């Protein structure tokens, strides 16, 4: 199973640019782009920062592809 994220959709819904998000989280814009394109899974630390940043439950940001729950 693959981890799929909805970070791009949530970021856009909140009117946040990749540059702003990268600055706020102290990561590169390239990292944001790679995560959004599912080319890179964030570390647990960064995943927790993303959850706090968007103030959403983990299930809203990430899910397992093929998970029937």
PDB file of N, CA and C in Angstrom:
ATOM      1  N   UNK A   1       0.828  -1.185   0.000  1.00  0.00           N
ATOM      2  CA  UNK A   1       0.000   0.000   0.000  1.00  0.00           C
ATOM      3  C   UNK A   1       0.872   1.249   0.000  1.00  0.00           C
ATOM      4  N   UNK A   2       0.384   2.268  -0.660  1.00  0.00           N
ATOM      5  CA  UNK A   2       1.086   3.547  -0.721  1.00  0.00           C
ATOM      6  C   UNK A   2       0.391   4.572   0.161  1.00  0.00           C
ATOM      7  N   UNK A   3       1.186   5.463   0.726  1.00  0.00           N
ATOM      8  CA  UNK A   3       0.632   6.578   1.490  1.00  0.00           C
ATOM      9  C   UNK A   3       0.293   7.687   0.497  1.00  0.00           C
ATOM     10  N   UNK A   4      -0.934   8.167   0.562  1.00  0.00           N
ATOM     11  CA  UNK A   4      -1.394   9.263  -0.291  1.00  0.00           C
ATOM     12  C   UNK A   4      -1.722  10.440   0.617  1.00  0.00           C
ATOM     13  N   UNK A   5      -1.420  11.654   0.154  1.00  0.00           N
ATOM     14  CA  UNK A   5      -1.728  12.816   0.984  1.00  0.00           C
ATOM     15  C   UNK A   5      -2.597  13.814   0.234  1.00  0.00           C
ATOM     16  N   UNK A   6      -3.234  14.662   1.008  1.00  0.00           N
ATOM     17  CA  UNK A   6      -4.114  15.705   0.463  1.00  0.00           C
ATOM     18  C   UNK A   6      -3.593  17.089   0.841  1.00  0.00           C
ATOM     19  N   UNK A   7      -2.279  17.186   0.982  1.00  0.00           N
ATOM     20  CA  UNK A   7      -1.667  18.425   1.440  1.00  0.00           C
ATOM     21  C   UNK A   7      -1.905  19.556   0.441  1.00  0.00           C
ATOM     22  N   UNK A   8      -1.741  19.284  -0.841  1.00  0.00           N
ATOM     23  CA  UNK A   8      -1.925  20.333  -1.845  1.00  0.00           C
ATOM     24  C   UNK A   8      -3.331  20.913  -1.773  1.00  0.00           C
ATOM     25  N   UNK A   9      -4.333  20.047  -1.725  1.00  0.00           N
ATOM     26  CA  UNK A   9      -5.715  20.508  -1.693  1.00  0.00           C
ATOM     27  C   UNK A   9      -5.984  21.361  -0.445  1.00  0.00           C
ATOM     28  N   UNK A  10      -5.493  20.903   0.688  1.00  0.00           N
ATOM     29  CA  UNK A  10      -5.718  21.637   1.935  1.00  0.00           C
ATOM     30  C   UNK A  10      -4.946  22.958   1.920  1.00  0.00           C
ATOM     31  N   UNK A  11      -3.740  22.928   1.394  1.00  0.00           N
ATOM     32  CA  UNK A  11      -2.929  24.164   1.304  1.00  0.00           C
ATOM     33  C   UNK A  11      -3.638  25.189   0.428  1.00  0.00           C
ATOM     34  N   UNK A  12      -4.110  24.766  -0.735  1.00  0.00           N
ATOM     35  CA  UNK A  12      -4.790  25.690  -1.647  1.00  0.00           C
ATOM     36  C   UNK A  12      -6.096  26.207  -1.048  1.00  0.00           C
ATOM     37  N   UNK A  13      -6.831  25.320  -0.373  1.00  0.00           N
ATOM     38  CA  UNK A  13      -8.084  25.724   0.266  1.00  0.00           C
ATOM     39  C   UNK A  13      -7.846  26.830   1.288  1.00  0.00           C
ATOM     40  N   UNK A  14      -6.674  26.797   1.915  1.00  0.00           N
ATOM     41  CA  UNK A  14      -6.318  27.792   2.922  1.00  0.00           C
ATOM     42  C   UNK A  14      -5.593  29.005   2.334  1.00  0.00           C
ATOM     43  N   UNK A  15      -5.407  29.014   1.013  1.00  0.00           N
ATOM     44  CA  UNK A  15      -4.767  30.147   0.352  1.00  0.00           C
ATOM     45  C   UNK A  15      -3.304  30.309   0.689  1.00  0.00           C
ATOM     46  N   UNK A  16      -2.610  29.203   0.917  1.00  0.00           N
ATOM     47  CA  UNK A  16      -1.192  29.231   1.295  1.00  0.00           C
ATOM     48  C   UNK A  16      -0.356  28.800   0.091  1.00  0.00           C
ATOM     49  N   UNK A  17       0.681  29.554  -0.211  1.00  0.00           N
ATOM     50  CA  UNK A  17       1.573  29.178  -1.307  1.00  0.00           C
ATOM     51  C   UNK A  17       2.590  28.144  -0.816  1.00  0.00           C
ATOM     52  N   UNK A  18       3.207  27.463  -1.766  1.00  0.00           N
ATOM     53  CA  UNK A  18       4.269  26.526  -1.409  1.00  0.00           C
ATOM     54  C   UNK A  18       5.415  27.254  -0.726  1.00  0.00           C
ATOM     55  N   UNK A  19       5.737  28.438  -1.200  1.00  0.00           N
ATOM     56  CA  UNK A  19       6.844  29.221  -0.623  1.00  0.00           C
ATOM     57  C   UNK A  19       6.523  29.582   0.822  1.00  0.00           C
ATOM     58  N   UNK A  20       5.310  30.077   1.082  1.00  0.00           N
ATOM     59  CA  UNK A  20       4.915  30.461   2.441  1.00  0.00           C
ATOM     60  C   UNK A  20       4.945  29.250   3.367  1.00  0.00           C
ATOM     61  N   UNK A  21       4.401  28.132   2.898  1.00  0.00           N
ATOM     62  CA  UNK A  21       4.375  26.914   3.709  1.00  0.00           C
ATOM     63  C   UNK A  21       5.796  26.449   4.017  1.00  0.00           C
ATOM     64  N   UNK A  22       6.658  26.481   3.024  1.00  0.00           N
ATOM     65  CA  UNK A  22       8.051  26.069   3.222  1.00  0.00           C
ATOM     66  C   UNK A  22       8.741  26.965   4.253  1.00  0.00           C
ATOM     67  N   UNK A  23       8.521  28.264   4.148  1.00  0.00           N
ATOM     68  CA  UNK A  23       9.118  29.195   5.105  1.00  0.00           C
ATOM     69  C   UNK A  23       8.594  28.930   6.513  1.00  0.00           C
ATOM     70  N   UNK A  24       7.289  28.747   6.642  1.00  0.00           N
ATOM     71  CA  UNK A  24       6.685  28.519   7.953  1.00  0.00           C
ATOM     72  C   UNK A  24       7.190  27.244   8.609  1.00  0.00           C
ATOM     73  N   UNK A  25       7.402  26.197   7.800  1.00  0.00           N
ATOM     74  CA  UNK A  25       7.826  24.892   8.329  1.00  0.00           C
ATOM     75  C   UNK A  25       9.344  24.705   8.308  1.00  0.00           C
ATOM     76  N   UNK A  26      10.053  25.720   7.781  1.00  0.00           N
ATOM     77  CA  UNK A  26      11.518  25.678   7.704  1.00  0.00           C
ATOM     78  C   UNK A  26      12.011  24.480   6.894  1.00  0.00           C
ATOM     79  N   UNK A  27      11.367  24.301   5.730  1.00  0.00           N
ATOM     80  CA  UNK A  27      11.780  23.295   4.760  1.00  0.00           C
ATOM     81  C   UNK A  27      11.878  23.989   3.405  1.00  0.00           C
ATOM     82  N   UNK A  28      12.344  23.293   2.393  1.00  0.00           N
ATOM     83  CA  UNK A  28      12.450  23.917   1.070  1.00  0.00           C
ATOM     84  C   UNK A  28      11.135  23.792   0.309  1.00  0.00           C
ATOM     85  N   UNK A  29      10.952  24.691  -0.644  1.00  0.00           N
ATOM     86  CA  UNK A  29       9.777  24.612  -1.505  1.00  0.00           C
ATOM     87  C   UNK A  29       9.813  23.320  -2.308  1.00  0.00           C
ATOM     88  N   UNK A  30      11.016  22.863  -2.661  1.00  0.00           N
ATOM     89  CA  UNK A  30      11.159  21.616  -3.398  1.00  0.00           C
ATOM     90  C   UNK A  30      10.652  20.436  -2.574  1.00  0.00           C
ATOM     91  N   UNK A  31      10.870  20.465  -1.271  1.00  0.00           N
ATOM     92  CA  UNK A  31      10.366  19.410  -0.387  1.00  0.00           C
ATOM     93  C   UNK A  31       8.847  19.429  -0.373  1.00  0.00           C
ATOM     94  N   UNK A  32       8.261  20.618  -0.271  1.00  0.00           N
ATOM     95  CA  UNK A  32       6.800  20.742  -0.300  1.00  0.00           C
ATOM     96  C   UNK A  32       6.276  20.149  -1.604  1.00  0.00           C
ATOM     97  N   UNK A  33       6.886  20.517  -2.714  1.00  0.00           N
ATOM     98  CA  UNK A  33       6.466  20.040  -4.028  1.00  0.00           C
ATOM     99  C   UNK A  33       6.555  18.511  -4.120  1.00  0.00           C
ATOM    100  N   UNK A  34       7.654  17.944  -3.647  1.00  0.00           N
ATOM    101  CA  UNK A  34       7.841  16.488  -3.706  1.00  0.00           C
ATOM    102  C   UNK A  34       6.808  15.765  -2.847  1.00  0.00           C
ATOM    103  N   UNK A  35       6.506  16.297  -1.675  1.00  0.00           N
ATOM    104  CA  UNK A  35       5.503  15.683  -0.805  1.00  0.00           C
ATOM    105  C   UNK A  35       4.135  15.748  -1.476  1.00  0.00           C
ATOM    106  N   UNK A  36       3.795  16.895  -2.023  1.00  0.00           N
ATOM    107  CA  UNK A  36       2.485  17.055  -2.662  1.00  0.00           C
ATOM    108  C   UNK A  36       2.310  16.136  -3.858  1.00  0.00           C
ATOM    109  N   UNK A  37       3.397  15.836  -4.559  1.00  0.00           N
ATOM    110  CA  UNK A  37       3.326  14.950  -5.725  1.00  0.00           C
ATOM    111  C   UNK A  37       3.504  13.485  -5.350  1.00  0.00           C
ATOM    112  N   UNK A  38       3.501  13.203  -4.034  1.00  0.00           N
ATOM    113  CA  UNK A  38       3.666  11.843  -3.517  1.00  0.00           C
ATOM    114  C   UNK A  38       4.965  11.183  -3.985  1.00  0.00           C
ATOM    115  N   UNK A  39       5.995  11.999  -4.205  1.00  0.00           N
ATOM    116  CA  UNK A  39       7.314  11.476  -4.559  1.00  0.00           C
ATOM    117  C   UNK A  39       8.168  11.272  -3.319  1.00  0.00           C
ATOM    118  N   UNK A  40       7.705  11.819  -2.205  1.00  0.00           N
ATOM    119  CA  UNK A  40       8.460  11.771  -0.950  1.00  0.00           C
ATOM    120  C   UNK A  40       7.469  11.739   0.198  1.00  0.00           C
ATOM    121  N   UNK A  41       7.635  10.787   1.102  1.00  0.00           N
ATOM    122  CA  UNK A  41       6.829  10.752   2.321  1.00  0.00           C
ATOM    123  C   UNK A  41       7.561  11.515   3.413  1.00  0.00           C
ATOM    124  N   UNK A  42       6.873  12.448   4.065  1.00  0.00           N
ATOM    125  CA  UNK A  42       7.539  13.216   5.116  1.00  0.00           C
ATOM    126  C   UNK A  42       7.905  12.320   6.297  1.00  0.00           C
ATOM    127  N   UNK A  43       8.921  12.743   7.010  1.00  0.00           N
ATOM    128  CA  UNK A  43       9.292  12.057   8.243  1.00  0.00           C
ATOM    129  C   UNK A  43       8.133  12.172   9.225  1.00  0.00           C
ATOM    130  N   UNK A  44       8.160  11.375  10.259  1.00  0.00           N
ATOM    131  CA  UNK A  44       7.126  11.450  11.280  1.00  0.00           C
ATOM    132  C   UNK A  44       7.090  12.850  11.893  1.00  0.00           C
ATOM    133  N   UNK A  45       8.256  13.413  12.155  1.00  0.00           N
ATOM    134  CA  UNK A  45       8.332  14.760  12.727  1.00  0.00           C
ATOM    135  C   UNK A  45       7.658  15.779  11.808  1.00  0.00           C
ATOM    136  N   UNK A  46       7.956  15.732  10.513  1.00  0.00           N
ATOM    137  CA  UNK A  46       7.362  16.676   9.580  1.00  0.00           C
ATOM    138  C   UNK A  46       5.870  16.413   9.412  1.00  0.00           C
ATOM    139  N   UNK A  47       5.455  15.159   9.413  1.00  0.00           N
ATOM    140  CA  UNK A  47       4.027  14.833   9.318  1.00  0.00           C
ATOM    141  C   UNK A  47       3.270  15.443  10.498  1.00  0.00           C
ATOM    142  N   UNK A  48       3.840  15.345  11.695  1.00  0.00           N
ATOM    143  CA  UNK A  48       3.204  15.931  12.874  1.00  0.00           C
ATOM    144  C   UNK A  48       3.166  17.457  12.785  1.00  0.00           C
ATOM    145  N   UNK A  49       4.214  18.055  12.225  1.00  0.00           N
ATOM    146  CA  UNK A  49       4.223  19.508  12.025  1.00  0.00           C
ATOM    147  C   UNK A  49       3.142  19.919  11.030  1.00  0.00           C
ATOM    148  N   UNK A  50       2.947  19.120   9.984  1.00  0.00           N
ATOM    149  CA  UNK A  50       1.918  19.412   8.986  1.00  0.00           C
ATOM    150  C   UNK A  50       0.517  19.345   9.597  1.00  0.00           C
ATOM    151  N   UNK A  51       0.295  18.352  10.442  1.00  0.00           N
ATOM    152  CA  UNK A  51      -0.993  18.208  11.118  1.00  0.00           C
ATOM    153  C   UNK A  51      -1.263  19.438  11.978  1.00  0.00           C
ATOM    154  N   UNK A  52      -0.268  19.874  12.722  1.00  0.00           N
ATOM    155  CA  UNK A  52      -0.404  21.061  13.567  1.00  0.00           C
ATOM    156  C   UNK A  52      -0.570  22.316  12.706  1.00  0.00           C
ATOM    157  N   UNK A  53       0.196  22.410  11.623  1.00  0.00           N
ATOM    158  CA  UNK A  53       0.170  23.582  10.746  1.00  0.00           C
ATOM    159  C   UNK A  53      -1.229  23.810  10.157  1.00  0.00           C
ATOM    160  N   UNK A  54      -1.842  22.727   9.687  1.00  0.00           N
ATOM    161  CA  UNK A  54      -3.164  22.844   9.084  1.00  0.00           C
ATOM    162  C   UNK A  54      -4.301  22.647  10.088  1.00  0.00           C
ATOM    163  N   UNK A  55      -3.954  22.216  11.304  1.00  0.00           N
ATOM    164  CA  UNK A  55      -4.942  21.990  12.360  1.00  0.00           C
ATOM    165  C   UNK A  55      -6.060  21.057  11.894  1.00  0.00           C
ATOM    166  N   UNK A  56      -5.639  19.904  11.363  1.00  0.00           N
ATOM    167  CA  UNK A  56      -6.586  18.894  10.882  1.00  0.00           C
ATOM    168  C   UNK A  56      -6.188  17.537  11.436  1.00  0.00           C
ATOM    169  N   UNK A  57      -7.128  16.591  11.486  1.00  0.00           N
ATOM    170  CA  UNK A  57      -6.764  15.242  11.914  1.00  0.00           C
ATOM    171  C   UNK A  57      -5.864  14.568  10.878  1.00  0.00           C
ATOM    172  N   UNK A  58      -5.055  13.636  11.325  1.00  0.00           N
ATOM    173  CA  UNK A  58      -4.123  12.951  10.431  1.00  0.00           C
ATOM    174  C   UNK A  58      -4.840  12.307   9.251  1.00  0.00           C
ATOM    175  N   UNK A  59      -6.060  11.802   9.482  1.00  0.00           N
ATOM    176  CA  UNK A  59      -6.807  11.135   8.429  1.00  0.00           C
ATOM    177  C   UNK A  59      -7.192  12.086   7.297  1.00  0.00           C
ATOM    178  N   UNK A  60      -7.242  13.371   7.602  1.00  0.00           N
ATOM    179  CA  UNK A  60      -7.567  14.346   6.561  1.00  0.00           C
ATOM    180  C   UNK A  60      -6.360  14.633   5.674  1.00  0.00           C
ATOM    181  N   UNK A  61      -5.156  14.473   6.222  1.00  0.00           N
ATOM    182  CA  UNK A  61      -3.936  14.724   5.449  1.00  0.00           C
ATOM    183  C   UNK A  61      -3.424  13.488   4.735  1.00  0.00           C
ATOM    184  N   UNK A  62      -3.458  12.352   5.410  1.00  0.00           N
ATOM    185  CA  UNK A  62      -2.844  11.133   4.875  1.00  0.00           C
ATOM    186  C   UNK A  62      -3.806   9.956   4.931  1.00  0.00           C
ATOM    187  N   UNK A  63      -3.686   9.065   3.945  1.00  0.00           N
ATOM    188  CA  UNK A  63      -4.387   7.785   4.016  1.00  0.00           C
ATOM    189  C   UNK A  63      -3.606   6.752   3.202  1.00  0.00           C
ATOM    190  N   UNK A  64      -3.863   5.493   3.507  1.00  0.00           N
ATOM    191  CA  UNK A  64      -3.240   4.404   2.771  1.00  0.00           C
ATOM    192  C   UNK A  64      -4.069   4.091   1.548  1.00  0.00           C
ATOM    193  N   UNK A  65      -3.435   4.119   0.395  1.00  0.00           N
ATOM    194  CA  UNK A  65      -4.122   3.772  -0.838  1.00  0.00           C
ATOM    195  C   UNK A  65      -4.553   2.315  -0.778  1.00  0.00           C
ATOM    196  N   UNK A  66      -5.798   2.063  -1.098  1.00  0.00           N
ATOM    197  CA  UNK A  66      -6.316   0.705  -1.035  1.00  0.00           C
ATOM    198  C   UNK A  66      -6.853   0.325   0.313  1.00  0.00           C
ATOM    199  N   UNK A  67      -6.779   1.255   1.281  1.00  0.00           N
ATOM    200  CA  UNK A  67      -7.307   0.999   2.620  1.00  0.00           C
ATOM    201  C   UNK A  67      -8.813   1.211   2.570  1.00  0.00           C
ATOM    202  N   UNK A  68      -9.570   0.192   2.923  1.00  0.00           N
ATOM    203  CA  UNK A  68     -11.024   0.248   2.803  1.00  0.00           C
ATOM    204  C   UNK A  68     -11.697   0.972   3.942  1.00  0.00           C
ATOM    205  N   UNK A  69     -10.964   1.416   4.930  1.00  0.00           N
ATOM    206  CA  UNK A  69     -11.572   2.098   6.072  1.00  0.00           C
ATOM    207  C   UNK A  69     -11.979   3.495   5.717  1.00  0.00           C
TER     208      UNK A  69
END
